[in-house]
Amino acid sequence: MRTVVGLGVAVSVIAGTASCSDDKGGQSTASQERSEETTHASPTPAHSSPAPADPLLDAGVPTGDGLSAALPEKGELPAGWVRSGEDSVGWRDAADAVMEGEDATACGATGLQAAELNGSDHGVISSVGNEDKGDGAHFSLKVLMDSDNLGAELTGPDRVELVTENMTRARDFWSCFSPEESGIGDDSLSYDTDRFASVHMRVGPVEVFVHTPRSGDSPSAEDWARVLEQRIRSVLAGRAPTARIPVK
């Protein structure tokens, strides 16, 4: 299980099934006979694979769409805040916060040691804030992969174990920030870098990072982490997420 954690996000594509119809007028008798022969030879119709029962979950693990559903919507943000996208950066300091808060070599670990962290199989990132005014937050939600055995079929418990391994290593990799147990999610650490506050946590099979500014009027990283925990748990339970940050 050795790969470098990057910031790129793999998009999960849910493939639906198409239905086929042979009901076309004007066919020749020979064509009809061939069609009947095929039907008798193959009683199971083509394209019979069922569509996913829940596009947000795959064997109890959130898909890319499921992780996206766990992110807060624009209408659930503090007044004047927006989500990052084509027309907005969301929070102006998001990139700097990620660089400080997710640098596994920040406290003296080597690149080879940092490469022991399990990387993302699929995930989503989002920045929210009041753009250039400085208040905001950055979220990263990931389902991890076993890079030592890329062809393996991973179960939900396997995904949980991959995040647990990362959490164990994080206690060493971010030791110079004096991380503390925050009591959020199934396992979590809270720590401050020079300019930013961060929470790193596991919620079921999902690894989560939250970064916020240490000063200003933003909700805290721990407040956002509690909201994301509830929203992820809703997705895992097959319910629409409703938890939101208190809006002033």
Protein backbone atom coordinates (compact mmCIF):
# COMPACT_ATOMS: atom_id res chain seq x y z
CA MET A 1 0.00 0.00 0.00
CA ARG A 2 2.49 2.56 -1.14
CA THR A 3 1.67 5.64 -3.14
CA VAL A 4 2.01 9.38 -2.82
CA VAL A 5 -1.15 11.23 -1.88
CA GLY A 6 -1.86 13.79 -4.58
CA LEU A 7 -4.50 16.43 -5.00
CA GLY A 8 -5.87 15.12 -8.29
CA VAL A 9 -9.35 13.69 -8.14
CA ALA A 10 -10.56 10.68 -10.07
CA VAL A 11 -14.15 11.11 -11.22
CA SER A 12 -16.46 8.12 -10.69
CA VAL A 13 -18.65 7.37 -13.73
CA ILE A 14 -21.89 5.52 -13.17
CA ALA A 15 -22.74 3.54 -16.28
CA GLY A 16 -26.43 2.90 -16.86
CA THR A 17 -27.82 0.10 -18.97
CA ALA A 18 -29.56 0.59 -22.28
CA SER A 19 -32.65 -1.32 -23.36
CA CYS A 20 -32.84 -2.86 -26.80
CA SER A 21 -35.88 -3.36 -29.03
CA ASP A 22 -36.29 -5.51 -32.14
CA ASP A 23 -39.79 -4.23 -32.92
CA LYS A 24 -39.16 -2.78 -36.37
CA GLY A 25 -41.60 -2.99 -39.31
CA GLY A 26 -40.71 -4.10 -42.83
CA GLN A 27 -38.29 -6.89 -41.85
CA SER A 28 -37.95 -9.90 -44.20
CA THR A 29 -39.22 -13.33 -43.20
CA ALA A 30 -35.64 -14.60 -43.09
CA SER A 31 -34.69 -11.83 -40.69
CA GLN A 32 -37.65 -12.70 -38.47
CA GLU A 33 -36.66 -16.38 -38.50
CA ARG A 34 -33.07 -15.51 -37.55
CA SER A 35 -34.41 -13.31 -34.75
CA GLU A 36 -36.61 -16.16 -33.48
CA GLU A 37 -33.68 -18.60 -33.64
CA THR A 38 -31.54 -16.19 -31.62
CA THR A 39 -34.30 -15.79 -29.07
CA HIS A 40 -34.62 -19.55 -28.63
CA ALA A 41 -30.85 -19.99 -28.39
CA SER A 42 -30.36 -17.15 -25.92
CA PRO A 43 -33.31 -16.90 -23.54
CA THR A 44 -31.49 -14.31 -21.43
CA PRO A 45 -31.83 -10.91 -23.18
CA ALA A 46 -28.76 -8.84 -23.92
CA HIS A 47 -28.03 -5.79 -21.78
CA SER A 48 -29.77 -7.37 -18.80
CA SER A 49 -27.37 -6.11 -16.10
CA PRO A 50 -29.39 -4.17 -13.54
CA ALA A 51 -28.73 -0.49 -12.99
CA PRO A 52 -27.07 0.39 -9.67
CA ALA A 53 -29.63 0.40 -6.86
CA ASP A 54 -28.03 3.52 -5.40
CA PRO A 55 -25.76 5.72 -7.56
CA LEU A 56 -24.24 7.19 -4.38
CA LEU A 57 -23.01 3.88 -2.95
CA ASP A 58 -21.19 0.85 -4.31
CA ALA A 59 -21.14 -2.10 -1.88
CA GLY A 60 -21.53 0.32 1.01
CA VAL A 61 -18.72 2.64 -0.15
CA PRO A 62 -19.50 6.15 -1.46
CA THR A 63 -19.04 6.61 -5.19
CA GLY A 64 -17.73 9.88 -6.61
CA ASP A 65 -21.34 11.09 -6.75
CA GLY A 66 -21.83 10.00 -3.15
CA LEU A 67 -18.83 12.01 -2.00
CA SER A 68 -20.06 15.02 -3.94
CA ALA A 69 -23.45 14.73 -2.23
CA ALA A 70 -21.71 14.98 1.14
CA LEU A 71 -20.30 18.43 0.31
CA PRO A 72 -22.32 21.46 1.44
CA GLU A 73 -24.51 23.14 -1.16
CA LYS A 74 -24.26 26.84 -1.95
CA GLY A 75 -27.49 27.59 -0.10
CA GLU A 76 -26.06 25.97 3.03
CA LEU A 77 -23.05 28.30 3.26
CA PRO A 78 -22.62 31.44 5.38
CA ALA A 79 -23.97 34.65 3.85
CA GLY A 80 -21.79 35.96 1.03
CA TRP A 81 -19.92 32.67 0.56
CA VAL A 82 -19.66 30.77 -2.72
CA ARG A 83 -18.34 27.40 -3.86
CA SER A 84 -15.29 27.10 -6.07
CA GLY A 85 -16.00 26.57 -9.74
CA GLU A 86 -15.60 28.12 -13.15
CA ASP A 87 -16.42 31.62 -11.91
CA SER A 88 -14.95 31.55 -8.40
CA VAL A 89 -12.01 30.33 -6.36
CA GLY A 90 -14.26 30.00 -3.31
CA TRP A 91 -11.57 30.68 -0.72
CA ARG A 92 -8.51 32.61 -1.87
CA ASP A 93 -6.12 30.77 0.50
CA ALA A 94 -7.26 27.21 -0.20
CA ALA A 95 -4.14 26.17 -2.13
CA ASP A 96 -1.82 27.51 0.57
CA ALA A 97 -3.85 25.76 3.28
CA VAL A 98 -3.55 22.43 1.47
CA MET A 99 0.19 22.88 0.99
CA GLU A 100 0.69 23.54 4.71
CA GLY A 101 -1.85 21.11 6.11
CA GLU A 102 -1.28 18.07 3.90
CA ASP A 103 2.50 18.17 3.40
CA ALA A 104 3.63 14.83 4.84
CA THR A 105 7.26 16.02 4.85
CA ALA A 106 6.56 19.20 6.85
CA CYS A 107 7.80 17.72 10.13
CA GLY A 108 10.92 16.02 8.80
CA ALA A 109 9.68 12.87 7.10
CA THR A 110 11.48 11.96 3.88
CA GLY A 111 9.77 11.65 0.53
CA LEU A 112 10.11 7.87 0.71
CA GLN A 113 8.39 7.83 4.08
CA ALA A 114 5.63 10.09 2.81
CA ALA A 115 5.13 7.68 -0.09
CA GLU A 116 3.87 5.12 2.43
CA LEU A 117 0.56 6.97 2.65
CA ASN A 118 -2.27 5.28 0.78
CA GLY A 119 -3.48 7.35 -2.15
CA SER A 120 -6.87 8.20 -3.58
CA ASP A 121 -8.95 5.79 -5.65
CA HIS A 122 -11.59 8.47 -6.14
CA GLY A 123 -12.49 11.64 -4.34
CA VAL A 124 -13.73 15.22 -4.43
CA ILE A 125 -12.30 18.55 -3.33
CA SER A 126 -14.12 21.82 -2.79
CA SER A 127 -13.24 25.31 -1.62
CA VAL A 128 -15.90 27.58 -0.13
CA GLY A 129 -15.60 31.14 1.11
CA ASN A 130 -16.01 34.85 0.46
CA GLU A 131 -13.25 34.79 -2.16
CA ASP A 132 -10.69 37.57 -1.72
CA LYS A 133 -11.96 38.64 1.72
CA GLY A 134 -10.09 35.76 3.34
CA ASP A 135 -12.79 33.71 5.10
CA GLY A 136 -13.41 30.18 3.89
CA ALA A 137 -12.73 26.47 4.09
CA HIS A 138 -11.32 23.68 1.96
CA PHE A 139 -12.63 20.10 1.96
CA SER A 140 -11.09 16.90 0.62
CA LEU A 141 -13.05 13.62 0.72
CA LYS A 142 -11.39 10.46 -0.59
CA VAL A 143 -11.88 6.71 -0.87
CA LEU A 144 -8.46 5.09 -0.90
CA MET A 145 -6.83 2.41 -3.06
CA ASP A 146 -4.39 -0.42 -2.39
CA SER A 147 -1.55 0.56 -4.72
CA ASP A 148 0.36 -2.66 -3.93
CA ASN A 149 -2.46 -4.72 -5.42
CA LEU A 150 -4.30 -2.57 -7.94
CA GLY A 151 -6.36 -5.44 -9.30
CA ALA A 152 -7.77 -6.42 -5.91
CA GLU A 153 -11.49 -6.28 -5.23
CA LEU A 154 -11.66 -4.15 -2.08
CA THR A 155 -14.46 -4.52 0.44
CA GLY A 156 -15.77 -1.78 2.72
CA PRO A 157 -13.63 -3.06 5.63
CA ASP A 158 -10.58 -3.04 3.32
CA ARG A 159 -11.24 0.65 2.53
CA VAL A 160 -11.60 1.40 6.25
CA GLU A 161 -8.24 -0.24 6.97
CA LEU A 162 -6.50 1.87 4.31
CA VAL A 163 -7.70 5.09 5.96
CA THR A 164 -6.79 3.73 9.41
CA GLU A 165 -3.23 3.15 8.18
CA ASN A 166 -3.04 6.76 6.96
CA MET A 167 -4.34 8.07 10.28
CA THR A 168 -1.66 6.11 12.14
CA ARG A 169 1.10 7.50 9.95
CA ALA A 170 -0.34 11.03 10.19
CA ARG A 171 0.35 11.10 13.93
CA ASP A 172 4.05 10.90 13.10
CA PHE A 173 4.09 12.92 9.89
CA TRP A 174 2.38 15.93 11.50
CA SER A 175 3.91 15.51 14.96
CA CYS A 176 5.59 18.95 14.91
CA PHE A 177 2.11 20.53 14.82
CA SER A 178 1.19 18.73 18.09
CA PRO A 179 -1.97 17.11 16.70
CA GLU A 180 -4.71 16.36 19.21
CA GLU A 181 -7.55 13.85 19.19
CA SER A 182 -10.62 15.86 18.27
CA GLY A 183 -13.31 13.24 18.91
CA ILE A 184 -14.93 13.77 15.50
CA GLY A 185 -15.69 10.90 13.13
CA ASP A 186 -14.36 7.42 13.78
CA ASP A 187 -10.83 8.76 14.20
CA SER A 188 -9.55 12.32 13.89
CA LEU A 189 -6.70 14.74 14.52
CA SER A 190 -6.85 18.51 14.89
CA TYR A 191 -3.72 20.63 14.38
CA ASP A 192 -2.64 24.14 13.50
CA THR A 193 0.01 25.20 11.00
CA ASP A 194 1.38 28.74 10.81
CA ARG A 195 -1.73 30.25 9.22
CA PHE A 196 -4.35 27.53 9.10
CA ALA A 197 -6.35 25.11 11.25
CA SER A 198 -6.83 21.55 10.02
CA VAL A 199 -8.78 18.39 10.83
CA HIS A 200 -7.80 15.01 9.39
CA MET A 201 -10.37 12.29 10.03
CA ARG A 202 -11.91 8.99 9.03
CA VAL A 203 -15.66 8.53 8.63
CA GLY A 204 -16.30 4.90 7.73
CA PRO A 205 -14.29 4.20 4.53
CA VAL A 206 -13.81 7.92 3.75
CA GLU A 207 -10.66 9.96 4.49
CA VAL A 208 -11.36 13.66 5.09
CA PHE A 209 -9.22 16.80 5.34
CA VAL A 210 -10.68 20.15 6.40
CA HIS A 211 -8.67 23.41 6.39
CA THR A 212 -9.75 26.87 7.55
CA PRO A 213 -7.98 30.13 8.46
CA ARG A 214 -6.89 30.46 12.09
CA SER A 215 -8.19 34.03 12.25
CA GLY A 216 -11.20 35.89 10.85
CA ASP A 217 -14.91 35.12 10.91
CA SER A 218 -14.86 31.63 9.41
CA PRO A 219 -16.49 28.67 11.18
CA SER A 220 -13.75 26.53 12.69
CA ALA A 221 -12.23 23.47 11.01
CA GLU A 222 -13.76 21.31 13.74
CA ASP A 223 -17.22 22.81 13.17
CA TRP A 224 -16.99 22.02 9.46
CA ALA A 225 -15.63 18.53 10.23
CA ARG A 226 -18.68 17.77 12.40
CA VAL A 227 -20.99 18.84 9.58
CA LEU A 228 -19.12 16.70 7.03
CA GLU A 229 -19.18 13.71 9.38
CA GLN A 230 -22.97 13.90 9.61
CA ARG A 231 -23.37 14.40 5.87
CA ILE A 232 -21.10 11.43 5.03
CA ARG A 233 -22.97 9.24 7.52
CA SER A 234 -26.24 10.20 5.82
CA VAL A 235 -24.84 9.10 2.45
CA LEU A 236 -23.62 5.82 3.98
CA ALA A 237 -27.11 5.24 5.38
CA GLY A 238 -28.76 5.95 2.03
CA ARG A 239 -30.31 9.23 3.16
CA ALA A 240 -30.06 12.73 1.69
CA PRO A 241 -27.56 14.81 3.72
CA THR A 242 -29.18 17.64 5.64
CA ALA A 243 -26.53 18.70 8.20
CA ARG A 244 -25.29 22.24 7.68
CA ILE A 245 -23.06 24.80 9.32
CA PRO A 246 -24.99 27.31 11.46
CA VAL A 247 -25.45 30.37 9.24
CA LYS A 248 -25.11 33.72 11.02
